[in-house]
């Protein structure tokens, strides 16, 4: 018995953004490695790349993520 079932058909209302084909899909059409999601609506999936970009900027500018160095290389 397989530990994980391979799901080939998506549920209605699950939306994904395919990174390979640059398109929105209802249900997982492409492999998981090539998609973002699931999203609750088609509109959210259409804006997946913008959302990812905004979240990356938040992480890059988060002071808790980038700890200050405790010394210099000359010490």
PDB file of N, CA and C in Angstrom:
ATOM      1  N   UNK A   1       0.843  -1.184   0.000  1.00  0.00           N
ATOM      2  CA  UNK A   1       0.000   0.000   0.000  1.00  0.00           C
ATOM      3  C   UNK A   1       0.886   1.245   0.000  1.00  0.00           C
ATOM      4  N   UNK A   2       0.560   2.160  -0.864  1.00  0.00           N
ATOM      5  CA  UNK A   2       1.340   3.389  -0.986  1.00  0.00           C
ATOM      6  C   UNK A   2       1.078   4.311   0.200  1.00  0.00           C
ATOM      7  N   UNK A   3       2.131   4.965   0.625  1.00  0.00           N
ATOM      8  CA  UNK A   3       2.011   5.891   1.745  1.00  0.00           C
ATOM      9  C   UNK A   3       1.235   7.153   1.335  1.00  0.00           C
ATOM     10  N   UNK A   4       1.511   7.636   0.135  1.00  0.00           N
ATOM     11  CA  UNK A   4       0.822   8.809  -0.376  1.00  0.00           C
ATOM     12  C   UNK A   4       0.121   8.449  -1.676  1.00  0.00           C
ATOM     13  N   UNK A   5      -1.111   8.889  -1.806  1.00  0.00           N
ATOM     14  CA  UNK A   5      -1.842   8.670  -3.040  1.00  0.00           C
ATOM     15  C   UNK A   5      -1.466   9.755  -4.036  1.00  0.00           C
ATOM     16  N   UNK A   6      -1.257   9.376  -5.274  1.00  0.00           N
ATOM     17  CA  UNK A   6      -1.012  10.358  -6.321  1.00  0.00           C
ATOM     18  C   UNK A   6      -2.364  10.864  -6.798  1.00  0.00           C
ATOM     19  N   UNK A   7      -2.575  12.148  -6.615  1.00  0.00           N
ATOM     20  CA  UNK A   7      -3.837  12.745  -7.003  1.00  0.00           C
ATOM     21  C   UNK A   7      -3.701  13.310  -8.402  1.00  0.00           C
ATOM     22  N   UNK A   8      -4.460  12.776  -9.320  1.00  0.00           N
ATOM     23  CA  UNK A   8      -4.361  13.239 -10.700  1.00  0.00           C
ATOM     24  C   UNK A   8      -5.470  14.206 -11.078  1.00  0.00           C
ATOM     25  N   UNK A   9      -6.539  14.232 -10.304  1.00  0.00           N
ATOM     26  CA  UNK A   9      -7.661  15.113 -10.596  1.00  0.00           C
ATOM     27  C   UNK A   9      -7.853  16.054  -9.422  1.00  0.00           C
ATOM     28  N   UNK A  10      -7.976  17.321  -9.724  1.00  0.00           N
ATOM     29  CA  UNK A  10      -8.162  18.303  -8.669  1.00  0.00           C
ATOM     30  C   UNK A  10      -9.602  18.423  -8.242  1.00  0.00           C
ATOM     31  N   UNK A  11      -9.787  19.053  -7.129  1.00  0.00           N
ATOM     32  CA  UNK A  11     -11.127  19.331  -6.624  1.00  0.00           C
ATOM     33  C   UNK A  11     -11.644  20.602  -7.293  1.00  0.00           C
ATOM     34  N   UNK A  12     -12.916  20.664  -7.591  1.00  0.00           N
ATOM     35  CA  UNK A  12     -13.461  21.915  -8.116  1.00  0.00           C
ATOM     36  C   UNK A  12     -13.227  23.040  -7.113  1.00  0.00           C
ATOM     37  N   UNK A  13     -12.807  24.176  -7.614  1.00  0.00           N
ATOM     38  CA  UNK A  13     -12.563  25.313  -6.741  1.00  0.00           C
ATOM     39  C   UNK A  13     -11.133  25.429  -6.261  1.00  0.00           C
ATOM     40  N   UNK A  14     -10.263  24.470  -6.580  1.00  0.00           N
ATOM     41  CA  UNK A  14      -8.830  24.583  -6.270  1.00  0.00           C
ATOM     42  C   UNK A  14      -8.138  25.163  -7.493  1.00  0.00           C
ATOM     43  N   UNK A  15      -7.449  26.259  -7.300  1.00  0.00           N
ATOM     44  CA  UNK A  15      -6.777  26.938  -8.406  1.00  0.00           C
ATOM     45  C   UNK A  15      -5.274  26.930  -8.188  1.00  0.00           C
ATOM     46  N   UNK A  16      -4.530  26.774  -9.257  1.00  0.00           N
ATOM     47  CA  UNK A  16      -3.074  26.716  -9.228  1.00  0.00           C
ATOM     48  C   UNK A  16      -2.509  27.630 -10.310  1.00  0.00           C
ATOM     49  N   UNK A  17      -1.255  28.042 -10.098  1.00  0.00           N
ATOM     50  CA  UNK A  17      -0.537  28.778 -11.133  1.00  0.00           C
ATOM     51  C   UNK A  17       0.615  27.910 -11.589  1.00  0.00           C
ATOM     52  N   UNK A  18       0.637  27.556 -12.868  1.00  0.00           N
ATOM     53  CA  UNK A  18       1.690  26.705 -13.422  1.00  0.00           C
ATOM     54  C   UNK A  18       2.890  27.564 -13.797  1.00  0.00           C
ATOM     55  N   UNK A  19       4.031  27.270 -13.195  1.00  0.00           N
ATOM     56  CA  UNK A  19       5.263  28.013 -13.463  1.00  0.00           C
ATOM     57  C   UNK A  19       5.864  27.640 -14.807  1.00  0.00           C
ATOM     58  N   UNK A  20       5.591  26.454 -15.275  1.00  0.00           N
ATOM     59  CA  UNK A  20       6.122  25.972 -16.554  1.00  0.00           C
ATOM     60  C   UNK A  20       5.393  26.615 -17.739  1.00  0.00           C
ATOM     61  N   UNK A  21       4.070  26.655 -17.655  1.00  0.00           N
ATOM     62  CA  UNK A  21       3.262  27.148 -18.769  1.00  0.00           C
ATOM     63  C   UNK A  21       2.755  28.571 -18.569  1.00  0.00           C
ATOM     64  N   UNK A  22       3.009  29.145 -17.381  1.00  0.00           N
ATOM     65  CA  UNK A  22       2.590  30.518 -17.057  1.00  0.00           C
ATOM     66  C   UNK A  22       1.088  30.695 -17.265  1.00  0.00           C
ATOM     67  N   UNK A  23       0.325  29.766 -16.668  1.00  0.00           N
ATOM     68  CA  UNK A  23      -1.127  29.851 -16.798  1.00  0.00           C
ATOM     69  C   UNK A  23      -1.797  29.365 -15.521  1.00  0.00           C
ATOM     70  N   UNK A  24      -3.054  29.754 -15.367  1.00  0.00           N
ATOM     71  CA  UNK A  24      -3.871  29.338 -14.230  1.00  0.00           C
ATOM     72  C   UNK A  24      -4.571  28.039 -14.581  1.00  0.00           C
ATOM     73  N   UNK A  25      -4.626  27.125 -13.612  1.00  0.00           N
ATOM     74  CA  UNK A  25      -5.267  25.834 -13.815  1.00  0.00           C
ATOM     75  C   UNK A  25      -6.266  25.585 -12.696  1.00  0.00           C
ATOM     76  N   UNK A  26      -7.397  24.994 -13.033  1.00  0.00           N
ATOM     77  CA  UNK A  26      -8.322  24.543 -11.999  1.00  0.00           C
ATOM     78  C   UNK A  26      -8.013  23.079 -11.756  1.00  0.00           C
ATOM     79  N   UNK A  27      -7.592  22.778 -10.547  1.00  0.00           N
ATOM     80  CA  UNK A  27      -7.145  21.426 -10.234  1.00  0.00           C
ATOM     81  C   UNK A  27      -5.706  21.266 -10.694  1.00  0.00           C
ATOM     82  N   UNK A  28      -4.977  20.341 -10.080  1.00  0.00           N
ATOM     83  CA  UNK A  28      -3.568  20.170 -10.457  1.00  0.00           C
ATOM     84  C   UNK A  28      -3.424  19.452 -11.791  1.00  0.00           C
ATOM     85  N   UNK A  29      -3.069  20.194 -12.823  1.00  0.00           N
ATOM     86  CA  UNK A  29      -2.827  19.600 -14.131  1.00  0.00           C
ATOM     87  C   UNK A  29      -1.349  19.257 -14.302  1.00  0.00           C
ATOM     88  N   UNK A  30      -0.485  20.126 -13.814  1.00  0.00           N
ATOM     89  CA  UNK A  30       0.966  19.947 -13.954  1.00  0.00           C
ATOM     90  C   UNK A  30       1.545  19.407 -12.648  1.00  0.00           C
ATOM     91  N   UNK A  31       2.770  18.864 -12.702  1.00  0.00           N
ATOM     92  CA  UNK A  31       3.403  18.331 -11.490  1.00  0.00           C
ATOM     93  C   UNK A  31       3.562  19.401 -10.405  1.00  0.00           C
ATOM     94  N   UNK A  32       3.563  18.967  -9.157  1.00  0.00           N
ATOM     95  CA  UNK A  32       3.658  19.879  -8.017  1.00  0.00           C
ATOM     96  C   UNK A  32       4.903  20.755  -8.081  1.00  0.00           C
ATOM     97  N   UNK A  33       5.987  20.245  -8.611  1.00  0.00           N
ATOM     98  CA  UNK A  33       7.230  21.022  -8.669  1.00  0.00           C
ATOM     99  C   UNK A  33       7.118  22.224  -9.601  1.00  0.00           C
ATOM    100  N   UNK A  34       6.096  22.240 -10.459  1.00  0.00           N
ATOM    101  CA  UNK A  34       5.933  23.301 -11.444  1.00  0.00           C
ATOM    102  C   UNK A  34       4.764  24.232 -11.155  1.00  0.00           C
ATOM    103  N   UNK A  35       4.247  24.228  -9.914  1.00  0.00           N
ATOM    104  CA  UNK A  35       3.077  25.059  -9.676  1.00  0.00           C
ATOM    105  C   UNK A  35       3.062  25.659  -8.273  1.00  0.00           C
ATOM    106  N   UNK A  36       2.344  26.773  -8.155  1.00  0.00           N
ATOM    107  CA  UNK A  36       2.021  27.394  -6.876  1.00  0.00           C
ATOM    108  C   UNK A  36       0.555  27.099  -6.601  1.00  0.00           C
ATOM    109  N   UNK A  37       0.205  26.901  -5.339  1.00  0.00           N
ATOM    110  CA  UNK A  37      -1.196  26.723  -4.995  1.00  0.00           C
ATOM    111  C   UNK A  37      -1.376  25.595  -4.011  1.00  0.00           C
ATOM    112  N   UNK A  38      -2.566  25.296  -3.643  1.00  0.00           N
ATOM    113  CA  UNK A  38      -3.820  25.766  -4.223  1.00  0.00           C
ATOM    114  C   UNK A  38      -4.230  27.128  -3.686  1.00  0.00           C
ATOM    115  N   UNK A  39      -4.990  27.838  -4.504  1.00  0.00           N
ATOM    116  CA  UNK A  39      -5.570  29.119  -4.147  1.00  0.00           C
ATOM    117  C   UNK A  39      -7.086  28.960  -4.096  1.00  0.00           C
ATOM    118  N   UNK A  40      -7.737  29.817  -3.351  1.00  0.00           N
ATOM    119  CA  UNK A  40      -9.187  29.736  -3.168  1.00  0.00           C
ATOM    120  C   UNK A  40      -9.961  30.247  -4.385  1.00  0.00           C
ATOM    121  N   UNK A  41      -9.328  31.097  -5.189  1.00  0.00           N
ATOM    122  CA  UNK A  41     -10.038  31.645  -6.344  1.00  0.00           C
ATOM    123  C   UNK A  41      -9.101  31.762  -7.542  1.00  0.00           C
ATOM    124  N   UNK A  42      -9.699  31.881  -8.703  1.00  0.00           N
ATOM    125  CA  UNK A  42      -8.928  32.057  -9.929  1.00  0.00           C
ATOM    126  C   UNK A  42      -8.122  33.357  -9.859  1.00  0.00           C
ATOM    127  N   UNK A  43      -8.728  34.394  -9.305  1.00  0.00           N
ATOM    128  CA  UNK A  43      -8.065  35.691  -9.200  1.00  0.00           C
ATOM    129  C   UNK A  43      -6.787  35.599  -8.358  1.00  0.00           C
ATOM    130  N   UNK A  44      -6.852  34.887  -7.234  1.00  0.00           N
ATOM    131  CA  UNK A  44      -5.658  34.717  -6.397  1.00  0.00           C
ATOM    132  C   UNK A  44      -4.560  33.988  -7.170  1.00  0.00           C
ATOM    133  N   UNK A  45      -4.931  32.976  -7.927  1.00  0.00           N
ATOM    134  CA  UNK A  45      -3.949  32.225  -8.708  1.00  0.00           C
ATOM    135  C   UNK A  45      -3.341  33.092  -9.810  1.00  0.00           C
ATOM    136  N   UNK A  46      -4.152  33.959 -10.414  1.00  0.00           N
ATOM    137  CA  UNK A  46      -3.647  34.850 -11.458  1.00  0.00           C
ATOM    138  C   UNK A  46      -2.582  35.796 -10.922  1.00  0.00           C
ATOM    139  N   UNK A  47      -2.651  36.124  -9.637  1.00  0.00           N
ATOM    140  CA  UNK A  47      -1.699  37.050  -9.023  1.00  0.00           C
ATOM    141  C   UNK A  47      -0.618  36.329  -8.219  1.00  0.00           C
ATOM    142  N   UNK A  48      -0.420  35.062  -8.478  1.00  0.00           N
ATOM    143  CA  UNK A  48       0.530  34.254  -7.706  1.00  0.00           C
ATOM    144  C   UNK A  48       1.960  34.794  -7.777  1.00  0.00           C
ATOM    145  N   UNK A  49       2.399  35.202  -8.953  1.00  0.00           N
ATOM    146  CA  UNK A  49       3.775  35.683  -9.091  1.00  0.00           C
ATOM    147  C   UNK A  49       3.962  37.011  -8.358  1.00  0.00           C
ATOM    148  N   UNK A  50       2.967  37.881  -8.409  1.00  0.00           N
ATOM    149  CA  UNK A  50       3.052  39.154  -7.681  1.00  0.00           C
ATOM    150  C   UNK A  50       3.083  38.902  -6.178  1.00  0.00           C
ATOM    151  N   UNK A  51       2.233  37.972  -5.711  1.00  0.00           N
ATOM    152  CA  UNK A  51       2.196  37.635  -4.289  1.00  0.00           C
ATOM    153  C   UNK A  51       3.543  37.079  -3.841  1.00  0.00           C
ATOM    154  N   UNK A  52       4.128  36.189  -4.640  1.00  0.00           N
ATOM    155  CA  UNK A  52       5.436  35.616  -4.297  1.00  0.00           C
ATOM    156  C   UNK A  52       6.506  36.704  -4.241  1.00  0.00           C
ATOM    157  N   UNK A  53       6.469  37.631  -5.191  1.00  0.00           N
ATOM    158  CA  UNK A  53       7.436  38.725  -5.205  1.00  0.00           C
ATOM    159  C   UNK A  53       7.299  39.600  -3.958  1.00  0.00           C
ATOM    160  N   UNK A  54       6.059  39.934  -3.596  1.00  0.00           N
ATOM    161  CA  UNK A  54       5.824  40.749  -2.409  1.00  0.00           C
ATOM    162  C   UNK A  54       6.294  40.044  -1.141  1.00  0.00           C
ATOM    163  N   UNK A  55       6.040  38.758  -1.043  1.00  0.00           N
ATOM    164  CA  UNK A  55       6.479  38.005   0.141  1.00  0.00           C
ATOM    165  C   UNK A  55       7.993  37.892   0.201  1.00  0.00           C
ATOM    166  N   UNK A  56       8.643  37.748  -0.940  1.00  0.00           N
ATOM    167  CA  UNK A  56      10.111  37.716  -0.964  1.00  0.00           C
ATOM    168  C   UNK A  56      10.685  39.036  -0.469  1.00  0.00           C
ATOM    169  N   UNK A  57      10.088  40.142  -0.887  1.00  0.00           N
ATOM    170  CA  UNK A  57      10.550  41.455  -0.419  1.00  0.00           C
ATOM    171  C   UNK A  57      10.367  41.611   1.089  1.00  0.00           C
ATOM    172  N   UNK A  58       9.240  41.111   1.607  1.00  0.00           N
ATOM    173  CA  UNK A  58       9.010  41.175   3.050  1.00  0.00           C
ATOM    174  C   UNK A  58      10.092  40.401   3.801  1.00  0.00           C
ATOM    175  N   UNK A  59      10.434  39.215   3.313  1.00  0.00           N
ATOM    176  CA  UNK A  59      11.469  38.415   3.975  1.00  0.00           C
ATOM    177  C   UNK A  59      12.835  39.089   3.882  1.00  0.00           C
ATOM    178  N   UNK A  60      13.147  39.653   2.723  1.00  0.00           N
ATOM    179  CA  UNK A  60      14.446  40.304   2.547  1.00  0.00           C
ATOM    180  C   UNK A  60      14.605  41.519   3.459  1.00  0.00           C
ATOM    181  N   UNK A  61      13.500  42.161   3.796  1.00  0.00           N
ATOM    182  CA  UNK A  61      13.555  43.370   4.624  1.00  0.00           C
ATOM    183  C   UNK A  61      13.144  43.128   6.069  1.00  0.00           C
ATOM    184  N   UNK A  62      12.982  41.893   6.462  1.00  0.00           N
ATOM    185  CA  UNK A  62      12.580  41.564   7.834  1.00  0.00           C
ATOM    186  C   UNK A  62      13.811  41.602   8.741  1.00  0.00           C
ATOM    187  N   UNK A  63      13.851  42.502   9.723  1.00  0.00           N
ATOM    188  CA  UNK A  63      15.028  42.606  10.593  1.00  0.00           C
ATOM    189  C   UNK A  63      15.257  41.357  11.437  1.00  0.00           C
ATOM    190  N   UNK A  64      14.210  40.597  11.716  1.00  0.00           N
ATOM    191  CA  UNK A  64      14.391  39.357  12.487  1.00  0.00           C
ATOM    192  C   UNK A  64      15.064  38.277  11.646  1.00  0.00           C
ATOM    193  N   UNK A  65      14.925  38.354  10.329  1.00  0.00           N
ATOM    194  CA  UNK A  65      15.517  37.352   9.447  1.00  0.00           C
ATOM    195  C   UNK A  65      17.003  37.616   9.242  1.00  0.00           C
ATOM    196  N   UNK A  66      17.370  38.866   9.146  1.00  0.00           N
ATOM    197  CA  UNK A  66      18.770  39.256   8.912  1.00  0.00           C
ATOM    198  C   UNK A  66      19.381  39.760  10.215  1.00  0.00           C
ATOM    199  N   UNK A  67      19.933  38.861  10.990  1.00  0.00           N
ATOM    200  CA  UNK A  67      20.566  39.245  12.247  1.00  0.00           C
ATOM    201  C   UNK A  67      21.814  40.058  11.953  1.00  0.00           C
ATOM    202  N   UNK A  68      22.073  41.027  12.793  1.00  0.00           N
ATOM    203  CA  UNK A  68      23.287  41.839  12.649  1.00  0.00           C
ATOM    204  C   UNK A  68      24.494  40.997  13.005  1.00  0.00           C
ATOM    205  N   UNK A  69      25.565  41.232  12.306  1.00  0.00           N
ATOM    206  CA  UNK A  69      26.823  40.521  12.590  1.00  0.00           C
ATOM    207  C   UNK A  69      27.322  40.905  13.975  1.00  0.00           C
ATOM    208  N   UNK A  70      27.912  39.949  14.712  1.00  0.00           N
ATOM    209  CA  UNK A  70      28.370  40.205  16.062  1.00  0.00           C
ATOM    210  C   UNK A  70      29.836  40.614  16.103  1.00  0.00           C
ATOM    211  N   UNK A  71      30.430  40.767  14.984  1.00  0.00           N
ATOM    212  CA  UNK A  71      31.824  41.179  14.922  1.00  0.00           C
ATOM    213  C   UNK A  71      32.254  41.310  13.481  1.00  0.00           C
ATOM    214  N   UNK A  72      33.488  41.690  13.271  1.00  0.00           N
ATOM    215  CA  UNK A  72      33.970  41.792  11.901  1.00  0.00           C
ATOM    216  C   UNK A  72      35.012  40.708  11.653  1.00  0.00           C
ATOM    217  N   UNK A  73      35.369  40.542  10.403  1.00  0.00           N
ATOM    218  CA  UNK A  73      36.349  39.527  10.036  1.00  0.00           C
ATOM    219  C   UNK A  73      37.732  39.877  10.560  1.00  0.00           C
ATOM    220  N   UNK A  74      37.957  41.165  10.930  1.00  0.00           N
ATOM    221  CA  UNK A  74      39.273  41.592  11.405  1.00  0.00           C
ATOM    222  C   UNK A  74      39.493  41.261  12.869  1.00  0.00           C
ATOM    223  N   UNK A  75      38.429  40.864  13.605  1.00  0.00           N
ATOM    224  CA  UNK A  75      38.575  40.595  15.039  1.00  0.00           C
ATOM    225  C   UNK A  75      39.351  39.335  15.323  1.00  0.00           C
TER     226      UNK A  75
END
